[in-house]
Protein backbone atom coordinates (compact mmCIF):
# COMPACT_ATOMS: atom_id res chain seq x y z
CA UNK A 1 -53.48 -16.98 -16.57
CA UNK A 2 -54.89 -13.49 -15.84
CA UNK A 3 -57.59 -15.04 -13.60
CA UNK A 4 -55.47 -17.80 -11.97
CA UNK A 5 -51.97 -16.30 -11.40
CA UNK A 6 -51.67 -14.13 -8.33
CA UNK A 7 -50.70 -10.59 -9.39
CA UNK A 8 -50.94 -11.10 -13.13
CA UNK A 9 -51.49 -7.74 -14.83
CA UNK A 10 -51.60 -8.74 -18.46
CA UNK A 11 -50.42 -10.97 -21.27
CA UNK A 12 -50.20 -11.41 -25.01
CA UNK A 13 -50.23 -14.80 -26.72
CA UNK A 14 -49.49 -15.80 -30.22
CA UNK A 15 -48.92 -18.91 -32.31
CA UNK A 16 -47.27 -19.28 -35.76
CA UNK A 17 -45.85 -22.29 -37.55
CA UNK A 18 -42.34 -21.10 -37.26
CA UNK A 19 -42.30 -19.53 -33.78
CA UNK A 20 -44.59 -22.04 -32.08
CA UNK A 21 -46.69 -21.08 -29.11
CA UNK A 22 -45.46 -17.76 -27.53
CA UNK A 23 -46.49 -15.62 -24.59
CA UNK A 24 -45.48 -12.41 -22.84
CA UNK A 25 -46.94 -12.10 -19.36
CA UNK A 26 -46.54 -9.62 -16.53
CA UNK A 27 -47.26 -9.79 -12.82
CA UNK A 28 -46.82 -7.56 -9.73
CA UNK A 29 -46.14 -8.63 -6.18
CA UNK A 30 -44.73 -6.45 -3.24
CA UNK A 31 -44.01 -3.52 -5.43
CA UNK A 32 -41.95 -5.69 -7.85
CA UNK A 33 -43.15 -6.09 -11.52
CA UNK A 34 -41.77 -8.90 -13.57
CA UNK A 35 -42.29 -9.90 -17.25
CA UNK A 36 -41.99 -13.44 -18.51
CA UNK A 37 -41.40 -14.18 -22.22
CA UNK A 38 -41.80 -17.69 -23.60
CA UNK A 39 -41.02 -18.51 -27.19
CA UNK A 40 -41.37 -21.63 -29.26
CA UNK A 41 -43.36 -23.73 -26.63
CA UNK A 42 -44.61 -26.96 -28.10
CA UNK A 43 -48.19 -26.56 -26.73
CA UNK A 44 -50.39 -23.75 -25.60
CA UNK A 45 -50.52 -25.24 -22.08
CA UNK A 46 -46.73 -25.40 -21.90
CA UNK A 47 -46.31 -21.69 -22.67
CA UNK A 48 -48.54 -20.85 -19.71
CA UNK A 49 -46.82 -23.33 -17.48
CA UNK A 50 -43.33 -21.99 -18.47
CA UNK A 51 -44.42 -18.38 -17.86
CA UNK A 52 -45.72 -19.37 -14.43
CA UNK A 53 -42.40 -21.02 -13.59
CA UNK A 54 -40.39 -18.04 -14.77
CA UNK A 55 -42.50 -15.52 -12.70
CA UNK A 56 -42.45 -17.91 -9.66
CA UNK A 57 -38.65 -18.07 -9.90
CA UNK A 58 -38.29 -14.35 -10.16
CA UNK A 59 -40.58 -13.56 -7.24
CA UNK A 60 -38.90 -16.31 -5.02
CA UNK A 61 -35.36 -15.36 -5.79
CA UNK A 62 -35.19 -11.56 -6.43
CA UNK A 63 -36.11 -8.34 -4.56
CA UNK A 64 -36.82 -4.88 -5.85
CA UNK A 65 -34.95 -2.28 -3.77
CA UNK A 66 -35.71 1.37 -3.89
CA UNK A 67 -32.44 3.28 -3.52
CA UNK A 68 -32.60 6.18 -1.08
CA UNK A 69 -29.64 8.56 -1.27
CA UNK A 70 -28.55 9.71 2.21
CA UNK A 71 -28.76 13.53 2.23
CA UNK A 72 -25.59 13.50 4.35
CA UNK A 73 -23.73 12.21 1.22
CA UNK A 74 -24.73 15.32 -0.70
CA UNK A 75 -22.69 18.42 -0.01
CA UNK A 76 -23.15 21.92 -1.26
CA UNK A 77 -21.16 22.64 -4.48
CA UNK A 78 -19.07 25.84 -4.57
CA UNK A 79 -19.94 28.26 -7.37
CA UNK A 80 -17.28 30.27 -9.00
CA UNK A 81 -18.18 33.85 -10.02
CA UNK A 82 -21.88 33.37 -8.93
CA UNK A 83 -24.20 35.68 -7.07
CA UNK A 84 -24.29 32.94 -4.41
CA UNK A 85 -21.22 31.05 -3.14
CA UNK A 86 -22.77 27.60 -3.27
CA UNK A 87 -25.66 25.60 -4.82
CA UNK A 88 -27.71 22.88 -3.14
CA UNK A 89 -27.74 19.41 -4.85
CA UNK A 90 -30.72 17.15 -5.11
CA UNK A 91 -31.54 13.73 -6.54
CA UNK A 92 -33.07 13.99 -10.02
CA UNK A 93 -34.70 10.59 -10.36
CA UNK A 94 -34.95 7.84 -7.66
CA UNK A 95 -33.73 4.34 -8.69
CA UNK A 96 -35.07 0.89 -8.07
CA UNK A 97 -32.86 -2.11 -8.67
CA UNK A 98 -33.52 -5.88 -8.85
CA UNK A 99 -31.07 -7.92 -6.67
CA UNK A 100 -30.88 -11.53 -5.54
CA UNK A 101 -32.70 -12.11 -2.26
CA UNK A 102 -30.40 -11.80 0.72
CA UNK A 103 -28.05 -9.39 -1.02
CA UNK A 104 -30.05 -6.23 -0.35
CA UNK A 105 -27.69 -5.14 2.49
CA UNK A 106 -24.66 -5.42 0.14
CA UNK A 107 -25.75 -2.65 -2.09
CA UNK A 108 -23.26 0.28 -1.94
CA UNK A 109 -23.43 3.89 -3.09
CA UNK A 110 -20.68 6.26 -4.07
CA UNK A 111 -21.05 9.91 -4.91
CA UNK A 112 -19.24 11.69 -7.74
CA UNK A 113 -19.85 15.47 -7.33
CA UNK A 114 -18.16 18.49 -8.76
CA UNK A 115 -16.25 20.46 -6.08
CA UNK A 116 -16.68 23.81 -7.89
CA UNK A 117 -18.78 24.83 -10.95
CA UNK A 118 -18.65 28.11 -12.82
CA UNK A 119 -21.72 30.36 -12.93
CA UNK A 120 -24.27 30.72 -14.37
CA UNK A 121 -26.01 27.49 -13.25
CA UNK A 122 -29.59 26.80 -14.27
CA UNK A 123 -31.97 24.87 -12.09
CA UNK A 124 -31.73 21.11 -12.87
CA UNK A 125 -28.17 21.35 -14.26
CA UNK A 126 -26.36 18.07 -13.83
CA UNK A 127 -23.67 18.40 -11.08
CA UNK A 128 -22.78 14.77 -10.44
CA UNK A 129 -24.19 11.28 -9.77
CA UNK A 130 -24.50 8.47 -7.33
CA UNK A 131 -23.26 5.12 -8.58
CA UNK A 132 -25.09 2.14 -7.07
CA UNK A 133 -23.11 -1.20 -7.00
CA UNK A 134 -23.56 -4.72 -5.71
CA UNK A 135 -20.35 -6.59 -5.15
CA UNK A 136 -18.51 -4.38 -7.56
CA UNK A 137 -21.01 -4.65 -10.38
CA UNK A 138 -22.69 -1.33 -11.29
CA UNK A 139 -26.53 -1.54 -10.90
CA UNK A 140 -27.29 1.98 -12.02
CA UNK A 141 -26.66 5.69 -11.60
CA UNK A 142 -28.69 8.48 -9.96
CA UNK A 143 -28.28 11.95 -11.43
CA UNK A 144 -27.63 14.78 -9.14
CA UNK A 145 -28.72 18.25 -10.13
CA UNK A 146 -28.79 21.88 -8.97
CA UNK A 147 -31.69 22.61 -6.87
CA UNK A 148 -31.91 26.26 -7.94
CA UNK A 149 -30.36 28.62 -10.48
CA UNK A 150 -27.25 30.67 -9.66
CA UNK A 151 -26.80 33.64 -12.01
CA UNK A 152 -23.26 34.87 -12.80
CA UNK A 153 -21.98 37.85 -10.86
CA UNK A 154 -21.65 40.78 -13.21
CA UNK A 155 -20.50 44.30 -12.71
CA UNK A 156 -24.12 45.58 -13.01
CA UNK A 157 -25.38 43.07 -10.41
CA UNK A 158 -22.65 44.04 -7.92
CA UNK A 159 -23.28 47.76 -8.52
CA UNK A 160 -26.96 47.30 -7.93
CA UNK A 161 -26.22 45.48 -4.66
CA UNK A 162 -23.87 48.24 -3.59
CA UNK A 163 -26.39 50.96 -4.40
CA UNK A 164 -29.19 49.13 -2.53
CA UNK A 165 -26.93 48.81 0.48
CA UNK A 166 -26.15 52.45 0.46
CA UNK A 167 -29.73 53.55 0.13
CA UNK A 168 -30.70 51.36 3.12
CA UNK A 169 -28.12 53.15 5.34
């Protein structure tokens, strides 16, 4: 199958008296990777045939969609008692989802983002998420994180700023 199936990246076969002829096979096409698992096939040839059918069905009927979060959906988050009034939000990990062909345009995104967070904030702190749905079913979530740290405003920090400003005069 590795030599004859377009895009096949690997497989593992096995046969036992109880499990029959089994196979796990993987293949990649158009940036989409699929895995087919066949258990209890009656012959060695049937396990390969069934795996090809499963992979063919997957490639013909599904699409892998990389979800891009529109930066306009991401607002600055206000910081309470911080040395900066806001913190920028960024996407932690991109998300790819598998959807039936023809439904790619029906994917929706909704942002859940804190309006205000208390300082201190560390870089990469979780501030919200983007929920990805298809016709009401949740496909996944993309974490949103703080792009940079925001220390807490303290008396000594404020005094230091004041003294620096006075010296510069």
